[in-house]
Amino acid sequence: MFSFDHQTRIISGVGAIDEVAEQAKGLGSKVAMLVCTPFFNESETVDKIITKLKDNQIDVIQFSKVQPNPRDYDCEEGAKLAIDNQVDLIIGLGGGSALDEAKAIAALITNGGKCSDWDARDLEQPMLANICIPTTAGTGAEVTFCAVIDDTKRHFKMAMFDPINLIPTVAILDPNLTVTLPKSTTAGPGMDVLTHAIEAYTVKSHNPISDTLALEAIRLVKANLPVAFNDPENIQARENMLNASAMAGMAFINANVGAVHALSETLGAKYDLPHGLTNALLLEPIVEYSMDADWQRYANVGEAMGVNADGKSVDEVAREGVIALHEFIEQFAFPDLASFEKFDASDFADIATTAMQNDLTADNAKPLTEDAYVQILKKAFNL
């Protein structure tokens, strides 16, 4: 038995941003809050959104206190501002941080309290109507029912999570918003999409619907991320990556992710490393470690990555899939993890211990041990 939750309306394609006012109007909005990073202040995109909303008699309040890792106090300030101004719609614009903060604000408006009050706890009321507009193809936050927020008092990342009450109302995927992304912000988040998809397909809690979405997301990333990386204005590749991100998001939020994310989250917190980078450099060694737990499933991943399976055993296809994955990741020239100043191999045992305590570890296709994590880290750091 499994359940699959999805309530978000997805509008995808070139010019989809033009639908924002119509969607807001359809939701009965009179006062909207636009949550975005300071980068978008006075940008053409924000001006366009605000103009279209105002042309439809919808007042707009802009809230730009969004940091790379959204902070609890910013979410709480945004919620207070929204309540004080009788906001009836939250619009999130940006990468995963902006969208997570927008969802957290929308939840606090209707449920009250602080972010920490809702850590790992179902909401009591549906969050305020919410439109998410991603400007990167990465987290899938526009279709997921969670918001990861920095708890600045307890010093860890908390997760607001509710499959019924924390799901965006509308997701608008417009590739025009991604064509100016630098290569690093194309490759890193793109690898996050691939990691979401591969882990959603291979974790123990996968299901037939998440499987279908995950495999198609893998195929789309394989075919389109290199194109978007090398030809940033290729609008079809950008559109396909946004669709892949949403598919992978729907897949993993209804299945799970595994050891890559358990270790990536720990490394990111320890050394303040970008999530996409750590995923990219951990994915290959963890796939290689895990594949003998389910040769067929990892062979299917290999085929989605372009391996020709004709006349080959499933374990051969799975092994060739690891090679294909290595070659795919290499083309993006990610920096070596060991090159980062804070790196210290003596931390590996503690990092492994922390990763073992992460619930995601238990859902990995193959069980982990602390020693296994240490060996994976050595491979990822080329030691």
Protein backbone atom coordinates (compact mmCIF):
# COMPACT_ATOMS: atom_id res chain seq x y z
CA MET A 1 0.00 0.00 0.00
CA PHE A 2 1.19 3.54 -0.73
CA SER A 3 -0.19 7.07 -0.89
CA PHE A 4 0.68 9.80 -3.37
CA ASP A 5 -0.22 13.41 -2.63
CA HIS A 6 -0.29 16.20 -5.19
CA GLN A 7 -2.60 19.21 -5.25
CA THR A 8 -0.55 21.87 -7.05
CA ARG A 9 -1.71 23.27 -10.37
CA ILE A 10 1.33 23.44 -12.69
CA ILE A 11 1.50 25.98 -15.50
CA SER A 12 4.61 25.38 -17.61
CA GLY A 13 6.00 26.94 -20.76
CA VAL A 14 7.47 30.03 -22.36
CA GLY A 15 5.61 33.09 -21.10
CA ALA A 16 3.91 31.23 -18.23
CA ILE A 17 4.79 34.16 -15.94
CA ASP A 18 2.08 36.14 -17.75
CA GLU A 19 -0.48 33.91 -16.01
CA VAL A 20 0.40 35.12 -12.50
CA ALA A 21 -2.27 37.82 -12.33
CA GLU A 22 -4.98 35.57 -13.76
CA GLN A 23 -4.13 32.89 -11.20
CA ALA A 24 -4.07 35.42 -8.36
CA LYS A 25 -7.40 36.83 -9.48
CA GLY A 26 -8.87 33.33 -9.68
CA LEU A 27 -7.81 32.78 -6.07
CA GLY A 28 -9.76 35.89 -5.08
CA SER A 29 -6.71 37.90 -4.07
CA LYS A 30 -6.93 41.59 -3.20
CA VAL A 31 -3.56 41.99 -1.46
CA ALA A 32 -0.57 39.81 -2.41
CA MET A 33 2.86 39.55 -0.81
CA LEU A 34 5.74 38.89 -3.19
CA VAL A 35 8.55 37.02 -1.40
CA CYS A 36 11.88 37.11 -3.24
CA THR A 37 15.62 37.52 -2.70
CA PRO A 38 17.13 41.04 -2.72
CA PHE A 39 18.64 40.12 -6.11
CA PHE A 40 15.22 40.61 -7.67
CA ASN A 41 14.58 44.05 -6.19
CA GLU A 42 13.66 46.41 -9.02
CA SER A 43 14.25 43.66 -11.58
CA GLU A 44 12.31 43.47 -14.82
CA THR A 45 10.66 40.24 -13.64
CA VAL A 46 9.41 41.77 -10.39
CA ASP A 47 8.25 44.93 -12.18
CA LYS A 48 6.31 42.78 -14.64
CA ILE A 49 4.64 40.75 -11.88
CA ILE A 50 3.70 43.82 -9.84
CA THR A 51 2.36 45.66 -12.89
CA LYS A 52 0.18 42.73 -13.95
CA LEU A 53 -1.18 42.31 -10.43
CA LYS A 54 -1.97 46.00 -10.05
CA ASP A 55 -3.62 46.05 -13.48
CA ASN A 56 -5.99 43.46 -12.00
CA GLN A 57 -6.69 45.58 -8.88
CA ILE A 58 -4.43 43.49 -6.66
CA ASP A 59 -2.23 45.45 -4.27
CA VAL A 60 1.31 44.14 -3.76
CA ILE A 61 3.68 44.15 -0.79
CA GLN A 62 7.25 43.10 -1.55
CA PHE A 63 9.26 41.21 1.08
CA SER A 64 12.92 40.62 0.24
CA LYS A 65 14.42 39.37 3.50
CA VAL A 66 15.40 36.01 2.02
CA GLN A 67 18.84 34.54 2.71
CA PRO A 68 20.53 31.57 0.96
CA ASN A 69 19.38 29.38 3.86
CA PRO A 70 16.06 30.90 4.98
CA ARG A 71 16.04 31.97 8.62
CA ASP A 72 13.17 31.46 11.06
CA TYR A 73 13.16 35.11 12.15
CA ASP A 74 12.77 36.31 8.54
CA CYS A 75 9.79 33.99 8.03
CA GLU A 76 8.21 35.22 11.25
CA GLU A 77 8.77 38.88 10.30
CA GLY A 78 7.26 38.25 6.87
CA ALA A 79 4.19 36.60 8.40
CA LYS A 80 3.64 39.53 10.79
CA LEU A 81 3.94 42.03 7.93
CA ALA A 82 1.45 40.03 5.89
CA ILE A 83 -1.06 39.82 8.73
CA ASP A 84 -0.72 43.54 9.48
CA ASN A 85 -1.50 44.33 5.83
CA GLN A 86 -4.32 41.79 5.42
CA VAL A 87 -2.43 39.84 2.76
CA ASP A 88 -4.52 37.04 1.23
CA LEU A 89 -1.98 35.51 -1.18
CA ILE A 90 1.74 34.72 -0.98
CA ILE A 91 3.80 34.65 -4.19
CA GLY A 92 7.28 33.13 -3.94
CA LEU A 93 9.83 34.01 -6.62
CA GLY A 94 13.35 32.59 -6.76
CA GLY A 95 15.27 29.44 -5.93
CA GLY A 96 14.47 26.91 -3.25
CA SER A 97 15.24 29.29 -0.38
CA ALA A 98 12.75 31.91 -1.52
CA LEU A 99 10.06 29.32 -2.20
CA ASP A 100 10.57 27.58 1.16
CA GLU A 101 10.39 30.94 2.95
CA ALA A 102 7.23 31.83 1.04
CA LYS A 103 5.63 28.54 2.11
CA ALA A 104 6.70 29.02 5.73
CA ILE A 105 5.25 32.55 5.78
CA ALA A 106 1.99 31.30 4.27
CA ALA A 107 1.81 28.59 6.96
CA LEU A 108 2.49 30.97 9.85
CA ILE A 109 -0.20 33.40 8.68
CA THR A 110 -2.96 30.82 9.10
CA ASN A 111 -1.49 28.71 11.91
CA GLY A 112 0.20 31.33 14.08
CA GLY A 113 3.21 30.79 16.30
CA LYS A 114 6.84 30.49 15.29
CA CYS A 115 8.52 28.21 12.76
CA SER A 116 9.85 26.01 15.56
CA ASP A 117 6.27 25.37 16.74
CA TRP A 118 5.66 23.47 13.49
CA ASP A 119 8.93 21.58 13.17
CA ALA A 120 8.13 17.97 12.13
CA ARG A 121 4.49 18.53 13.09
CA ASP A 122 1.34 18.68 10.96
CA LEU A 123 -0.20 22.12 10.52
CA GLU A 124 -3.61 22.71 12.06
CA GLN A 125 -4.87 24.82 9.14
CA PRO A 126 -4.08 24.96 5.41
CA MET A 127 -1.47 27.58 4.63
CA LEU A 128 -2.57 30.75 2.88
CA ALA A 129 -3.03 30.49 -0.89
CA ASN A 130 0.41 30.35 -2.45
CA ILE A 131 1.90 30.73 -5.94
CA CYS A 132 5.48 29.49 -6.42
CA ILE A 133 7.60 30.70 -9.34
CA PRO A 134 11.02 28.97 -9.51
CA THR A 135 13.93 30.76 -11.18
CA THR A 136 16.24 27.73 -10.96
CA ALA A 137 15.73 24.10 -11.92
CA GLY A 138 16.80 22.40 -8.71
CA THR A 139 14.90 21.90 -5.49
CA GLY A 140 11.40 21.21 -6.79
CA ALA A 141 10.13 23.36 -3.89
CA GLU A 142 7.33 24.67 -6.11
CA VAL A 143 5.56 21.29 -5.87
CA THR A 144 6.69 19.89 -2.51
CA PHE A 145 4.84 19.98 0.80
CA CYS A 146 7.79 20.90 2.98
CA ALA A 147 9.82 23.97 3.89
CA VAL A 148 13.37 23.68 5.24
CA ILE A 149 14.17 26.59 7.54
CA ASP A 150 17.21 27.44 9.67
CA ASP A 151 16.34 27.31 13.38
CA THR A 152 18.69 30.03 14.60
CA LYS A 153 18.14 29.28 18.30
CA ARG A 154 18.67 25.51 18.15
CA HIS A 155 21.22 25.78 15.31
CA PHE A 156 19.89 23.20 12.87
CA LYS A 157 17.65 22.93 9.83
CA MET A 158 14.04 22.28 10.77
CA ALA A 159 11.45 20.89 8.38
CA MET A 160 7.88 22.10 8.23
CA PHE A 161 6.09 19.19 6.54
CA ASP A 162 2.44 18.50 5.78
CA PRO A 163 1.15 16.73 2.64
CA ILE A 164 -2.29 18.31 2.95
CA ASN A 165 -1.78 21.80 4.36
CA LEU A 166 1.66 22.86 3.06
CA ILE A 167 1.35 22.25 -0.67
CA PRO A 168 1.64 25.21 -3.09
CA THR A 169 -1.62 26.15 -4.78
CA VAL A 170 -0.05 27.02 -8.14
CA ALA A 171 3.42 26.51 -9.63
CA ILE A 172 4.43 28.66 -12.60
CA LEU A 173 7.37 27.29 -14.60
CA ASP A 174 8.66 29.81 -17.14
CA PRO A 175 12.01 28.98 -18.77
CA ASN A 176 12.54 32.64 -19.65
CA LEU A 177 13.33 33.21 -15.96
CA THR A 178 16.27 30.77 -16.09
CA VAL A 179 18.16 31.70 -19.27
CA THR A 180 20.45 34.19 -17.51
CA LEU A 181 21.58 31.77 -14.81
CA PRO A 182 25.37 31.41 -14.55
CA LYS A 183 26.83 27.99 -15.29
CA SER A 184 27.35 27.18 -11.61
CA THR A 185 23.68 27.90 -10.83
CA THR A 186 22.66 25.72 -13.74
CA ALA A 187 24.91 22.74 -12.95
CA GLY A 188 24.62 22.58 -9.14
CA PRO A 189 20.82 22.74 -8.88
CA GLY A 190 20.61 20.53 -11.98
CA MET A 191 22.53 17.84 -10.11
CA ASP A 192 20.09 18.27 -7.23
CA VAL A 193 17.30 17.36 -9.68
CA LEU A 194 19.20 14.26 -10.81
CA THR A 195 19.91 13.23 -7.21
CA HIS A 196 16.26 13.68 -6.21
CA ALA A 197 15.20 11.50 -9.14
CA ILE A 198 17.76 8.70 -8.69
CA GLU A 199 17.18 8.50 -4.94
CA ALA A 200 13.39 8.65 -5.27
CA TYR A 201 13.60 5.71 -7.68
CA THR A 202 15.97 3.59 -5.58
CA VAL A 203 14.92 4.16 -1.95
CA LYS A 204 12.98 1.44 -0.17
CA SER A 205 9.81 3.56 0.00
CA HIS A 206 9.48 4.14 -3.76
CA ASN A 207 6.08 3.57 -5.38
CA PRO A 208 4.85 3.05 -8.97
CA ILE A 209 3.82 6.69 -9.49
CA SER A 210 7.00 8.17 -8.06
CA ASP A 211 8.97 5.62 -10.13
CA THR A 212 7.46 6.87 -13.38
CA LEU A 213 8.13 10.51 -12.56
CA ALA A 214 11.66 9.80 -11.33
CA LEU A 215 12.76 7.84 -14.40
CA GLU A 216 11.45 10.50 -16.77
CA ALA A 217 13.19 13.19 -14.72
CA ILE A 218 16.48 11.25 -15.02
CA ARG A 219 16.06 11.04 -18.80
CA LEU A 220 15.27 14.76 -19.05
CA VAL A 221 18.29 15.78 -16.97
CA LYS A 222 20.59 13.48 -18.97
CA ALA A 223 19.41 15.02 -22.25
CA ASN A 224 19.00 18.65 -21.23
CA LEU A 225 21.34 19.71 -18.43
CA PRO A 226 24.47 19.66 -20.65
CA VAL A 227 22.60 21.68 -23.28
CA ALA A 228 21.43 24.29 -20.75
CA PHE A 229 24.95 24.41 -19.29
CA ASN A 230 26.69 24.99 -22.64
CA ASP A 231 23.94 26.95 -24.40
CA PRO A 232 22.22 28.95 -21.63
CA GLU A 233 19.66 30.55 -23.94
CA ASN A 234 18.39 27.22 -25.29
CA ILE A 235 14.81 27.73 -24.19
CA GLN A 236 13.69 24.13 -24.80
CA ALA A 237 16.46 22.72 -22.60
CA ARG A 238 15.60 25.25 -19.89
CA GLU A 239 11.92 24.31 -20.07
CA ASN A 240 12.73 20.60 -19.92
CA MET A 241 14.93 21.14 -16.85
CA LEU A 242 12.14 23.02 -15.04
CA ASN A 243 9.75 20.18 -15.84
CA ALA A 244 12.33 17.63 -14.66
CA SER A 245 12.76 19.53 -11.40
CA ALA A 246 9.01 19.48 -10.76
CA MET A 247 8.77 15.78 -11.65
CA ALA A 248 11.67 14.88 -9.37
CA GLY A 249 10.14 17.03 -6.63
CA MET A 250 6.81 15.21 -6.85
CA ALA A 251 8.66 11.89 -6.91
CA PHE A 252 10.91 12.36 -3.89
CA ILE A 253 8.34 14.09 -1.69
CA ASN A 254 6.06 11.06 -2.17
CA ALA A 255 8.86 8.48 -1.90
CA ASN A 256 11.99 9.76 -0.17
CA VAL A 257 15.65 10.46 -0.67
CA GLY A 258 18.43 8.40 0.83
CA ALA A 259 22.09 8.30 1.76
CA VAL A 260 23.23 10.98 -0.69
CA HIS A 261 21.04 13.55 1.00
CA ALA A 262 21.80 12.26 4.50
CA LEU A 263 25.51 12.75 3.91
CA SER A 264 25.12 15.87 1.76
CA GLU A 265 23.11 17.67 4.44
CA THR A 266 25.76 16.82 7.03
CA LEU A 267 28.66 17.95 4.82
CA GLY A 268 26.85 21.13 3.84
CA ALA A 269 26.23 22.07 7.46
CA LYS A 270 29.81 21.21 8.48
CA TYR A 271 31.65 23.09 5.75
CA ASP A 272 28.95 25.48 4.47
CA LEU A 273 29.07 23.89 1.01
CA PRO A 274 26.45 24.31 -1.74
CA HIS A 275 23.88 21.51 -1.66
CA GLY A 276 24.07 20.84 -5.40
CA LEU A 277 27.85 20.49 -5.24
CA THR A 278 27.84 17.98 -2.39
CA ASN A 279 25.07 15.98 -4.08
CA ALA A 280 27.04 15.94 -7.34
CA LEU A 281 30.21 14.61 -5.72
CA LEU A 282 28.51 12.08 -3.43
CA LEU A 283 26.05 10.64 -5.94
CA GLU A 284 28.46 8.39 -7.85
CA PRO A 285 30.16 6.70 -4.85
CA ILE A 286 26.83 6.11 -3.10
CA VAL A 287 25.20 4.67 -6.23
CA GLU A 288 28.24 2.41 -6.67
CA TYR A 289 28.00 1.31 -3.02
CA SER A 290 24.22 0.72 -3.11
CA MET A 291 23.60 -0.94 -6.47
CA ASP A 292 24.13 -4.57 -5.44
CA ALA A 293 21.08 -4.23 -3.17
CA ASP A 294 18.84 -3.97 -6.25
CA TRP A 295 20.64 -4.64 -9.54
CA GLN A 296 17.48 -4.29 -11.63
CA ARG A 297 16.53 -0.90 -10.27
CA TYR A 298 20.04 0.50 -10.71
CA ALA A 299 20.16 -1.03 -14.21
CA ASN A 300 17.00 0.92 -15.00
CA VAL A 301 18.78 4.06 -13.80
CA GLY A 302 21.70 3.14 -16.06
CA GLU A 303 19.39 2.85 -19.07
CA ALA A 304 17.82 6.21 -18.23
CA MET A 305 21.37 7.60 -18.22
CA GLY A 306 21.87 6.29 -21.75
CA VAL A 307 23.39 2.83 -21.25
CA ASN A 308 22.53 0.34 -24.02
CA ALA A 309 21.24 -2.78 -22.25
CA ASP A 310 21.11 -5.08 -25.30
CA GLY A 311 22.65 -8.47 -24.53
CA LYS A 312 23.88 -7.43 -21.10
CA SER A 313 23.04 -8.71 -17.62
CA VAL A 314 21.38 -6.35 -15.17
CA ASP A 315 24.53 -6.05 -13.08
CA GLU A 316 26.55 -5.12 -16.20
CA VAL A 317 24.04 -2.41 -17.08
CA ALA A 318 24.06 -1.11 -13.50
CA ARG A 319 27.87 -0.98 -13.45
CA GLU A 320 27.95 0.79 -16.81
CA GLY A 321 25.40 3.18 -15.35
CA VAL A 322 27.96 4.23 -12.73
CA ILE A 323 30.46 4.94 -15.52
CA ALA A 324 27.83 6.93 -17.42
CA LEU A 325 27.04 8.87 -14.25
CA HIS A 326 30.74 9.63 -13.72
CA GLU A 327 31.16 10.88 -17.29
CA PHE A 328 27.99 12.95 -17.03
CA ILE A 329 29.10 14.70 -13.82
CA GLU A 330 32.66 15.27 -15.07
CA GLN A 331 31.54 17.59 -17.87
CA PHE A 332 30.41 20.23 -15.36
CA ALA A 333 33.90 20.58 -13.83
CA PHE A 334 32.79 20.79 -10.21
CA PRO A 335 35.61 21.78 -7.82
CA ASP A 336 37.28 19.05 -5.80
CA LEU A 337 35.78 18.88 -2.30
CA ALA A 338 39.25 18.65 -0.75
CA SER A 339 40.08 22.08 -2.21
CA PHE A 340 37.78 23.85 0.25
CA GLU A 341 39.64 25.63 3.05
CA LYS A 342 37.65 24.15 5.93
CA PHE A 343 38.18 20.56 4.79
CA ASP A 344 39.69 18.22 7.39
CA ALA A 345 39.73 14.43 6.87
CA SER A 346 39.80 13.95 10.63
CA ASP A 347 36.15 15.10 10.61
CA PHE A 348 35.01 12.07 8.60
CA ALA A 349 34.15 9.87 11.59
CA ASP A 350 31.97 12.57 13.17
CA ILE A 351 30.33 13.33 9.81
CA ALA A 352 29.57 9.63 9.36
CA THR A 353 28.07 9.40 12.85
CA THR A 354 25.80 12.37 12.17
CA ALA A 355 24.73 10.99 8.79
CA MET A 356 23.86 7.64 10.40
CA GLN A 357 21.50 9.48 12.74
CA ASN A 358 19.67 11.06 9.80
CA ASP A 359 16.37 9.24 9.12
CA LEU A 360 17.12 9.30 5.38
CA THR A 361 19.92 6.77 5.86
CA ALA A 362 17.44 4.05 6.83
CA ASP A 363 15.56 4.38 3.52
CA ASN A 364 18.63 3.91 1.33
CA ALA A 365 18.49 0.85 -0.93
CA LYS A 366 21.46 -0.70 0.89
CA PRO A 367 22.05 -0.36 4.65
CA LEU A 368 24.91 1.92 5.71
CA THR A 369 27.43 1.75 8.52
CA GLU A 370 29.65 4.50 9.84
CA ASP A 371 32.65 2.82 8.21
CA ALA A 372 30.80 2.64 4.88
CA TYR A 373 30.11 6.37 5.08
CA VAL A 374 33.78 7.06 5.84
CA GLN A 375 34.85 5.06 2.78
CA ILE A 376 32.31 6.92 0.63
CA LEU A 377 33.69 10.23 1.91
CA LYS A 378 37.22 9.18 1.00
CA LYS A 379 36.10 8.44 -2.55
CA ALA A 380 34.18 11.70 -2.81
CA PHE A 381 37.22 13.64 -1.58
CA ASN A 382 39.59 11.64 -3.82
CA LEU A 383 41.61 10.36 -0.86
